[in-house]
Amino acid sequence: MAYIEDENEKVWELAEKIGFCMLTTQSGSDLKARPMSSHGERIENAFYFLTDVDSHKDDEVALHPNVCLAFADSKGQKYVSISGVAEVQNDREKIRDLWSTPAKAWWDSADDPSIRILKVTPSSAEYWDSPGTVISYIKMAAAAVTNTRPDLGDNAKVEM
């Protein structure tokens, strides 16, 4: 099982390194994505986000808790897509633990009563980790000339 554990670790490593993701929720029959700052907790098998009680995503999660977190480092050619179940929480201690400088753009302090936590418990993930843009382009060009498929790095589907 070490191989599976390594893939799971790779998902966490990439998501933590990238930090920001597009959180996709369902709104009626439409899907909506918005950028969010992620706080991953491997030990808890959860990703946490600070959100506002008046935001639409809270209502969307209440109706359709299945979400997708899409992390992308396009310069480094590293991507992670995580599927999971979201829930809104009002854990004031956890809010203080997650409070950071970027949150000050939205709220004055961690004590703002409108702050909520969006917790996402991942169920599965897929990652793509290539050696980088320049090397990838060289490998693609070489593959095109030789009529072969380029080796563009690692890709794995992971149960979490």
N, C-alpha and C. Protein backbone atom coordinates (compact mmCIF):
# COMPACT_ATOMS: atom_id res chain seq x y z
N MET A 1 0.80 -1.21 0.00
CA MET A 1 0.00 0.00 0.00
C MET A 1 0.84 1.27 0.00
N ALA A 2 2.14 1.14 0.07
CA ALA A 2 3.00 2.33 0.10
C ALA A 2 2.80 3.18 -1.14
N TYR A 3 2.56 2.54 -2.29
CA TYR A 3 2.36 3.28 -3.53
C TYR A 3 1.14 4.18 -3.43
N ILE A 4 0.03 3.65 -2.91
CA ILE A 4 -1.20 4.43 -2.74
C ILE A 4 -0.95 5.58 -1.77
N GLU A 5 -0.27 5.30 -0.66
CA GLU A 5 0.02 6.34 0.31
C GLU A 5 0.89 7.43 -0.31
N ASP A 6 1.84 7.06 -1.16
CA ASP A 6 2.68 8.04 -1.83
C ASP A 6 1.85 8.93 -2.74
N GLU A 7 0.88 8.34 -3.46
CA GLU A 7 0.01 9.12 -4.34
C GLU A 7 -0.86 10.07 -3.53
N ASN A 8 -1.37 9.59 -2.40
CA ASN A 8 -2.17 10.42 -1.51
C ASN A 8 -1.34 11.59 -1.00
N GLU A 9 -0.11 11.31 -0.59
CA GLU A 9 0.80 12.37 -0.13
C GLU A 9 1.07 13.37 -1.25
N LYS A 10 1.19 12.88 -2.47
CA LYS A 10 1.45 13.76 -3.61
C LYS A 10 0.29 14.74 -3.81
N VAL A 11 -0.95 14.26 -3.65
CA VAL A 11 -2.12 15.13 -3.76
C VAL A 11 -2.04 16.25 -2.72
N TRP A 12 -1.79 15.87 -1.46
CA TRP A 12 -1.71 16.87 -0.40
C TRP A 12 -0.56 17.85 -0.64
N GLU A 13 0.59 17.33 -1.05
CA GLU A 13 1.77 18.16 -1.29
C GLU A 13 1.49 19.20 -2.38
N LEU A 14 0.92 18.76 -3.49
CA LEU A 14 0.63 19.68 -4.59
C LEU A 14 -0.42 20.71 -4.19
N ALA A 15 -1.50 20.27 -3.53
CA ALA A 15 -2.56 21.19 -3.12
C ALA A 15 -2.03 22.24 -2.14
N GLU A 16 -1.21 21.81 -1.20
CA GLU A 16 -0.66 22.75 -0.22
C GLU A 16 0.31 23.73 -0.87
N LYS A 17 1.11 23.24 -1.81
CA LYS A 17 2.08 24.11 -2.48
C LYS A 17 1.36 25.17 -3.33
N ILE A 18 0.32 24.76 -4.03
CA ILE A 18 -0.41 25.70 -4.89
C ILE A 18 -1.24 26.67 -4.04
N GLY A 19 -1.95 26.16 -3.03
CA GLY A 19 -2.63 27.02 -2.05
C GLY A 19 -3.99 27.54 -2.43
N PHE A 20 -4.13 28.09 -3.62
CA PHE A 20 -5.42 28.61 -4.06
C PHE A 20 -6.06 27.61 -5.01
N CYS A 21 -7.37 27.55 -4.98
CA CYS A 21 -8.06 26.65 -5.89
C CYS A 21 -9.34 27.30 -6.39
N MET A 22 -9.93 26.70 -7.38
CA MET A 22 -11.27 27.07 -7.83
C MET A 22 -12.22 26.08 -7.17
N LEU A 23 -13.09 26.59 -6.32
CA LEU A 23 -14.10 25.79 -5.65
C LEU A 23 -15.34 25.77 -6.54
N THR A 24 -15.75 24.57 -6.96
CA THR A 24 -16.92 24.45 -7.83
C THR A 24 -18.08 23.86 -7.03
N THR A 25 -19.21 24.59 -7.07
CA THR A 25 -20.43 24.15 -6.41
C THR A 25 -21.54 24.08 -7.44
N GLN A 26 -22.65 23.48 -7.06
CA GLN A 26 -23.81 23.41 -7.95
C GLN A 26 -24.83 24.45 -7.52
N SER A 27 -25.30 25.23 -8.48
CA SER A 27 -26.33 26.25 -8.25
C SER A 27 -27.47 25.95 -9.20
N GLY A 28 -28.52 25.31 -8.69
CA GLY A 28 -29.59 24.87 -9.58
C GLY A 28 -29.04 23.82 -10.51
N SER A 29 -29.19 24.03 -11.81
CA SER A 29 -28.65 23.08 -12.78
C SER A 29 -27.28 23.52 -13.30
N ASP A 30 -26.79 24.66 -12.82
CA ASP A 30 -25.50 25.19 -13.26
C ASP A 30 -24.40 24.85 -12.25
N LEU A 31 -23.17 24.86 -12.74
CA LEU A 31 -21.99 24.73 -11.88
C LEU A 31 -21.33 26.10 -11.79
N LYS A 32 -20.87 26.48 -10.59
CA LYS A 32 -20.22 27.77 -10.39
C LYS A 32 -18.87 27.54 -9.73
N ALA A 33 -17.85 28.23 -10.21
CA ALA A 33 -16.51 28.12 -9.63
C ALA A 33 -16.04 29.50 -9.22
N ARG A 34 -15.34 29.53 -8.08
CA ARG A 34 -14.76 30.78 -7.62
C ARG A 34 -13.44 30.49 -6.92
N PRO A 35 -12.48 31.45 -6.99
CA PRO A 35 -11.18 31.22 -6.36
C PRO A 35 -11.30 31.31 -4.84
N MET A 36 -10.60 30.40 -4.17
CA MET A 36 -10.63 30.35 -2.71
C MET A 36 -9.23 30.01 -2.20
N SER A 37 -8.88 30.55 -1.05
CA SER A 37 -7.63 30.23 -0.38
C SER A 37 -7.85 29.00 0.49
N SER A 38 -7.08 27.97 0.25
CA SER A 38 -7.28 26.67 0.90
C SER A 38 -6.36 26.50 2.10
N HIS A 39 -6.89 25.85 3.13
CA HIS A 39 -6.11 25.46 4.30
C HIS A 39 -6.26 23.95 4.44
N GLY A 40 -5.28 23.21 3.96
CA GLY A 40 -5.35 21.75 4.02
C GLY A 40 -4.88 21.21 5.35
N GLU A 41 -5.59 20.23 5.86
CA GLU A 41 -5.22 19.54 7.11
C GLU A 41 -5.18 18.04 6.82
N ARG A 42 -3.99 17.52 6.50
CA ARG A 42 -3.84 16.10 6.15
C ARG A 42 -4.35 15.19 7.25
N ILE A 43 -3.99 15.48 8.50
CA ILE A 43 -4.35 14.61 9.61
C ILE A 43 -5.87 14.50 9.74
N GLU A 44 -6.57 15.58 9.46
CA GLU A 44 -8.04 15.60 9.55
C GLU A 44 -8.70 15.17 8.24
N ASN A 45 -7.90 14.94 7.20
CA ASN A 45 -8.40 14.65 5.85
C ASN A 45 -9.46 15.67 5.44
N ALA A 46 -9.08 16.96 5.53
CA ALA A 46 -10.02 18.03 5.22
C ALA A 46 -9.31 19.26 4.66
N PHE A 47 -10.05 19.97 3.83
CA PHE A 47 -9.63 21.29 3.36
C PHE A 47 -10.61 22.28 3.96
N TYR A 48 -10.07 23.39 4.48
CA TYR A 48 -10.90 24.40 5.12
C TYR A 48 -10.79 25.71 4.36
N PHE A 49 -11.90 26.44 4.33
CA PHE A 49 -11.96 27.75 3.70
C PHE A 49 -12.75 28.67 4.61
N LEU A 50 -12.34 29.93 4.69
CA LEU A 50 -13.15 30.92 5.38
C LEU A 50 -14.14 31.48 4.38
N THR A 51 -15.38 31.62 4.80
CA THR A 51 -16.43 32.10 3.92
C THR A 51 -17.36 33.00 4.73
N ASP A 52 -18.28 33.66 4.08
CA ASP A 52 -19.20 34.57 4.75
C ASP A 52 -20.59 33.95 4.81
N VAL A 53 -21.26 34.14 5.92
CA VAL A 53 -22.58 33.55 6.13
C VAL A 53 -23.57 33.99 5.04
N ASP A 54 -23.35 35.15 4.45
CA ASP A 54 -24.26 35.66 3.42
C ASP A 54 -23.88 35.26 2.00
N SER A 55 -22.85 34.43 1.86
CA SER A 55 -22.41 34.07 0.50
C SER A 55 -23.33 33.02 -0.10
N HIS A 56 -23.42 33.02 -1.41
CA HIS A 56 -24.27 32.06 -2.11
C HIS A 56 -23.73 30.64 -2.02
N LYS A 57 -22.40 30.51 -1.89
CA LYS A 57 -21.83 29.16 -1.87
C LYS A 57 -22.31 28.38 -0.66
N ASP A 58 -22.58 29.06 0.45
CA ASP A 58 -23.09 28.37 1.63
C ASP A 58 -24.46 27.75 1.35
N ASP A 59 -25.32 28.50 0.69
CA ASP A 59 -26.65 27.98 0.32
C ASP A 59 -26.53 26.85 -0.69
N GLU A 60 -25.60 27.00 -1.64
CA GLU A 60 -25.40 25.97 -2.66
C GLU A 60 -24.92 24.66 -2.03
N VAL A 61 -23.99 24.76 -1.08
CA VAL A 61 -23.46 23.58 -0.39
C VAL A 61 -24.56 22.91 0.43
N ALA A 62 -25.42 23.70 1.04
CA ALA A 62 -26.50 23.12 1.84
C ALA A 62 -27.42 22.25 0.97
N LEU A 63 -27.66 22.66 -0.27
CA LEU A 63 -28.52 21.91 -1.19
C LEU A 63 -27.79 20.80 -1.92
N HIS A 64 -26.54 21.06 -2.29
CA HIS A 64 -25.73 20.11 -3.08
C HIS A 64 -24.33 20.07 -2.48
N PRO A 65 -24.07 19.21 -1.50
CA PRO A 65 -22.78 19.22 -0.81
C PRO A 65 -21.58 18.68 -1.59
N ASN A 66 -21.81 18.02 -2.73
CA ASN A 66 -20.67 17.52 -3.52
C ASN A 66 -20.02 18.68 -4.26
N VAL A 67 -18.71 18.83 -4.07
CA VAL A 67 -17.97 19.94 -4.66
C VAL A 67 -16.69 19.43 -5.31
N CYS A 68 -16.05 20.32 -6.06
CA CYS A 68 -14.75 20.02 -6.67
C CYS A 68 -13.80 21.17 -6.35
N LEU A 69 -12.58 20.82 -5.98
CA LEU A 69 -11.51 21.78 -5.75
C LEU A 69 -10.49 21.59 -6.87
N ALA A 70 -10.26 22.61 -7.67
CA ALA A 70 -9.31 22.51 -8.79
C ALA A 70 -8.12 23.43 -8.52
N PHE A 71 -6.96 22.83 -8.27
CA PHE A 71 -5.73 23.56 -8.01
C PHE A 71 -4.91 23.57 -9.30
N ALA A 72 -4.29 24.72 -9.63
CA ALA A 72 -3.50 24.79 -10.86
C ALA A 72 -2.27 25.68 -10.68
N ASP A 73 -1.13 25.12 -11.03
CA ASP A 73 0.12 25.87 -11.13
C ASP A 73 0.52 25.74 -12.59
N SER A 74 0.01 26.65 -13.43
CA SER A 74 0.22 26.50 -14.87
C SER A 74 1.68 26.69 -15.27
N LYS A 75 2.42 27.54 -14.56
CA LYS A 75 3.84 27.71 -14.90
C LYS A 75 4.63 26.45 -14.61
N GLY A 76 4.31 25.79 -13.50
CA GLY A 76 5.01 24.56 -13.14
C GLY A 76 4.39 23.32 -13.73
N GLN A 77 3.25 23.48 -14.45
CA GLN A 77 2.54 22.36 -15.07
C GLN A 77 2.14 21.31 -14.03
N LYS A 78 1.56 21.79 -12.91
CA LYS A 78 1.11 20.91 -11.84
C LYS A 78 -0.36 21.21 -11.56
N TYR A 79 -1.18 20.16 -11.53
CA TYR A 79 -2.62 20.33 -11.37
C TYR A 79 -3.17 19.25 -10.45
N VAL A 80 -4.20 19.62 -9.67
CA VAL A 80 -4.87 18.67 -8.80
C VAL A 80 -6.37 18.96 -8.85
N SER A 81 -7.17 17.93 -9.03
CA SER A 81 -8.62 18.04 -8.96
C SER A 81 -9.08 17.12 -7.83
N ILE A 82 -9.78 17.70 -6.85
CA ILE A 82 -10.23 16.95 -5.68
C ILE A 82 -11.75 17.01 -5.59
N SER A 83 -12.38 15.84 -5.53
CA SER A 83 -13.83 15.76 -5.33
C SER A 83 -14.08 15.45 -3.86
N GLY A 84 -15.14 16.06 -3.31
CA GLY A 84 -15.44 15.81 -1.91
C GLY A 84 -16.80 16.33 -1.52
N VAL A 85 -17.06 16.23 -0.22
CA VAL A 85 -18.33 16.67 0.34
C VAL A 85 -18.05 17.87 1.25
N ALA A 86 -18.82 18.93 1.06
CA ALA A 86 -18.63 20.16 1.81
C ALA A 86 -19.72 20.34 2.86
N GLU A 87 -19.34 21.05 3.92
CA GLU A 87 -20.31 21.43 4.94
C GLU A 87 -19.89 22.78 5.50
N VAL A 88 -20.89 23.58 5.92
CA VAL A 88 -20.63 24.88 6.52
C VAL A 88 -20.64 24.71 8.03
N GLN A 89 -19.63 25.29 8.69
CA GLN A 89 -19.52 25.20 10.14
C GLN A 89 -19.36 26.59 10.75
N ASN A 90 -19.73 26.70 12.02
CA ASN A 90 -19.55 27.95 12.75
C ASN A 90 -18.71 27.67 14.00
N ASP A 91 -17.50 27.17 13.77
CA ASP A 91 -16.57 26.82 14.83
C ASP A 91 -15.64 28.02 15.05
N ARG A 92 -15.93 28.82 16.07
CA ARG A 92 -15.21 30.07 16.28
C ARG A 92 -13.72 29.84 16.58
N GLU A 93 -13.40 28.77 17.28
CA GLU A 93 -11.99 28.47 17.57
C GLU A 93 -11.24 28.13 16.29
N LYS A 94 -11.85 27.32 15.42
CA LYS A 94 -11.22 26.96 14.15
C LYS A 94 -11.07 28.19 13.26
N ILE A 95 -12.05 29.09 13.30
CA ILE A 95 -11.95 30.33 12.53
C ILE A 95 -10.71 31.11 12.97
N ARG A 96 -10.50 31.22 14.27
CA ARG A 96 -9.30 31.93 14.77
C ARG A 96 -8.02 31.21 14.34
N ASP A 97 -8.05 29.87 14.33
CA ASP A 97 -6.88 29.09 13.90
C ASP A 97 -6.56 29.35 12.42
N LEU A 98 -7.59 29.52 11.61
CA LEU A 98 -7.41 29.70 10.16
C LEU A 98 -7.17 31.15 9.77
N TRP A 99 -7.39 32.07 10.69
CA TRP A 99 -7.27 33.49 10.39
C TRP A 99 -5.86 33.81 9.90
N SER A 100 -5.77 34.56 8.81
CA SER A 100 -4.48 34.95 8.25
C SER A 100 -4.61 36.31 7.58
N THR A 101 -3.51 36.86 7.17
CA THR A 101 -3.50 38.19 6.56
C THR A 101 -4.46 38.32 5.37
N PRO A 102 -4.53 37.36 4.44
CA PRO A 102 -5.47 37.52 3.32
C PRO A 102 -6.93 37.66 3.77
N ALA A 103 -7.30 37.08 4.89
CA ALA A 103 -8.68 37.17 5.37
C ALA A 103 -9.05 38.61 5.73
N LYS A 104 -8.06 39.43 6.04
CA LYS A 104 -8.32 40.83 6.40
C LYS A 104 -8.88 41.63 5.23
N ALA A 105 -8.75 41.10 4.02
CA ALA A 105 -9.34 41.77 2.86
C ALA A 105 -10.86 41.68 2.90
N TRP A 106 -11.39 40.69 3.63
CA TRP A 106 -12.84 40.46 3.65
C TRP A 106 -13.48 40.82 4.98
N TRP A 107 -12.75 40.65 6.08
CA TRP A 107 -13.29 40.89 7.41
C TRP A 107 -12.28 41.66 8.26
N ASP A 108 -12.77 42.40 9.25
CA ASP A 108 -11.88 43.18 10.12
C ASP A 108 -11.11 42.31 11.10
N SER A 109 -11.75 41.27 11.60
CA SER A 109 -11.06 40.40 12.57
C SER A 109 -11.68 39.01 12.54
N ALA A 110 -11.00 38.07 13.18
CA ALA A 110 -11.51 36.70 13.25
C ALA A 110 -12.78 36.62 14.09
N ASP A 111 -13.08 37.66 14.83
CA ASP A 111 -14.28 37.67 15.67
C ASP A 111 -15.53 38.15 14.92
N ASP A 112 -15.39 38.48 13.65
CA ASP A 112 -16.56 38.91 12.87
C ASP A 112 -17.60 37.78 12.87
N PRO A 113 -18.81 38.05 13.34
CA PRO A 113 -19.82 37.00 13.45
C PRO A 113 -20.32 36.44 12.12
N SER A 114 -19.99 37.09 11.01
CA SER A 114 -20.46 36.59 9.71
C SER A 114 -19.52 35.57 9.08
N ILE A 115 -18.34 35.35 9.68
CA ILE A 115 -17.38 34.37 9.14
C ILE A 115 -17.87 32.96 9.45
N ARG A 116 -17.78 32.10 8.45
CA ARG A 116 -18.07 30.69 8.61
C ARG A 116 -16.91 29.90 8.01
N ILE A 117 -16.89 28.62 8.33
CA ILE A 117 -15.91 27.71 7.75
C ILE A 117 -16.61 26.82 6.75
N LEU A 118 -16.00 26.66 5.61
CA LEU A 118 -16.44 25.67 4.64
C LEU A 118 -15.43 24.54 4.74
N LYS A 119 -15.89 23.39 5.19
CA LYS A 119 -15.02 22.22 5.33
C LYS A 119 -15.32 21.26 4.19
N VAL A 120 -14.28 20.84 3.48
CA VAL A 120 -14.43 19.87 2.40
C VAL A 120 -13.66 18.61 2.79
N THR A 121 -14.38 17.51 2.85
CA THR A 121 -13.78 16.21 3.11
C THR A 121 -13.59 15.51 1.77
N PRO A 122 -12.34 15.34 1.34
CA PRO A 122 -12.10 14.75 0.01
C PRO A 122 -12.45 13.27 -0.04
N SER A 123 -12.96 12.84 -1.19
CA SER A 123 -13.26 11.42 -1.41
C SER A 123 -12.34 10.83 -2.48
N SER A 124 -11.98 11.65 -3.47
CA SER A 124 -11.08 11.18 -4.52
C SER A 124 -10.37 12.38 -5.12
N ALA A 125 -9.29 12.08 -5.83
CA ALA A 125 -8.51 13.15 -6.46
C ALA A 125 -7.80 12.61 -7.68
N GLU A 126 -7.37 13.52 -8.51
CA GLU A 126 -6.51 13.19 -9.63
C GLU A 126 -5.49 14.30 -9.75
N TYR A 127 -4.23 13.92 -10.01
CA TYR A 127 -3.20 14.95 -10.16
C TYR A 127 -2.41 14.72 -11.43
N TRP A 128 -1.84 15.81 -11.90
CA TRP A 128 -0.92 15.81 -13.04
C TRP A 128 0.29 16.61 -12.60
N ASP A 129 1.47 16.00 -12.67
CA ASP A 129 2.70 16.64 -12.22
C ASP A 129 3.75 16.45 -13.29
N SER A 130 3.97 17.49 -14.10
CA SER A 130 4.94 17.36 -15.18
C SER A 130 6.23 18.08 -14.80
N PRO A 131 7.28 17.87 -15.57
CA PRO A 131 8.58 18.46 -15.23
C PRO A 131 8.66 19.97 -15.46
N GLY A 132 7.64 20.60 -15.99
CA GLY A 132 7.66 22.04 -16.22
C GLY A 132 7.41 22.38 -17.68
N THR A 133 7.09 23.61 -17.94
CA THR A 133 6.67 24.05 -19.27
C THR A 133 7.73 23.84 -20.34
N VAL A 134 8.95 24.31 -20.11
CA VAL A 134 10.00 24.23 -21.14
C VAL A 134 10.30 22.77 -21.47
N ILE A 135 10.50 21.95 -20.45
CA ILE A 135 10.80 20.54 -20.69
C ILE A 135 9.63 19.85 -21.37
N SER A 136 8.40 20.19 -20.96
CA SER A 136 7.21 19.59 -21.58
C SER A 136 7.15 19.93 -23.07
N TYR A 137 7.42 21.20 -23.42
CA TYR A 137 7.40 21.59 -24.82
C TYR A 137 8.46 20.84 -25.63
N ILE A 138 9.64 20.67 -25.05
CA ILE A 138 10.72 19.93 -25.74
C ILE A 138 10.29 18.48 -25.96
N LYS A 139 9.71 17.86 -24.92
CA LYS A 139 9.26 16.46 -25.05
C LYS A 139 8.13 16.34 -26.07
N MET A 140 7.21 17.32 -26.10
CA MET A 140 6.12 17.27 -27.08
C MET A 140 6.66 17.42 -28.50
N ALA A 141 7.63 18.31 -28.69
CA ALA A 141 8.21 18.50 -30.02
C ALA A 141 8.94 17.24 -30.47
N ALA A 142 9.70 16.63 -29.54
CA ALA A 142 10.41 15.40 -29.88
C ALA A 142 9.43 14.28 -30.21
N ALA A 143 8.34 14.19 -29.48
CA ALA A 143 7.34 13.15 -29.73
C ALA A 143 6.66 13.37 -31.07
N ALA A 144 6.41 14.62 -31.43
CA ALA A 144 5.77 14.92 -32.71
C ALA A 144 6.66 14.49 -33.87
N VAL A 145 7.97 14.72 -33.74
CA VAL A 145 8.92 14.37 -34.79
C VAL A 145 9.05 12.84 -34.91
N THR A 146 9.00 12.14 -33.79
CA THR A 146 9.21 10.70 -33.80
C THR A 146 7.91 9.89 -33.81
N ASN A 147 6.76 10.58 -33.91
CA ASN A 147 5.44 9.92 -33.90
C ASN A 147 5.24 9.02 -32.68
N THR A 148 5.67 9.51 -31.51
CA THR A 148 5.46 8.79 -30.25
C THR A 148 4.70 9.71 -29.29
N ARG A 149 4.29 9.15 -28.18
CA ARG A 149 3.61 9.96 -27.14
C ARG A 149 4.66 10.46 -26.14
N PRO A 150 4.58 11.75 -25.79
CA PRO A 150 5.56 12.27 -24.83
C PRO A 150 5.27 11.82 -23.41
N ASP A 151 6.33 11.63 -22.62
CA ASP A 151 6.18 11.37 -21.19
C ASP A 151 6.19 12.72 -20.51
N LEU A 152 4.99 13.18 -20.11
CA LEU A 152 4.88 14.52 -19.53
C LEU A 152 4.76 14.51 -18.02
N GLY A 153 5.19 13.46 -17.38
CA GLY A 153 5.18 13.43 -15.92
C GLY A 153 4.18 12.45 -15.37
N ASP A 154 3.90 12.63 -14.08
CA ASP A 154 3.03 11.71 -13.37
C ASP A 154 1.58 12.13 -13.43
N ASN A 155 0.70 11.12 -13.50
CA ASN A 155 -0.74 11.32 -13.44
C ASN A 155 -1.29 10.13 -12.67
N ALA A 156 -2.14 10.41 -11.68
CA ALA A 156 -2.73 9.31 -10.91
C ALA A 156 -4.09 9.70 -10.37
N LYS A 157 -4.97 8.72 -10.30
CA LYS A 157 -6.26 8.87 -9.63
C LYS A 157 -6.10 8.27 -8.25
N VAL A 158 -6.60 8.98 -7.22
CA VAL A 158 -6.35 8.60 -5.84
C VAL A 158 -7.66 8.61 -5.05
N GLU A 159 -7.90 7.54 -4.31
CA GLU A 159 -9.01 7.53 -3.36
C GLU A 159 -8.48 8.12 -2.07
N MET A 160 -9.24 8.99 -1.46
CA MET A 160 -8.75 9.66 -0.26
C MET A 160 -9.55 9.29 0.98
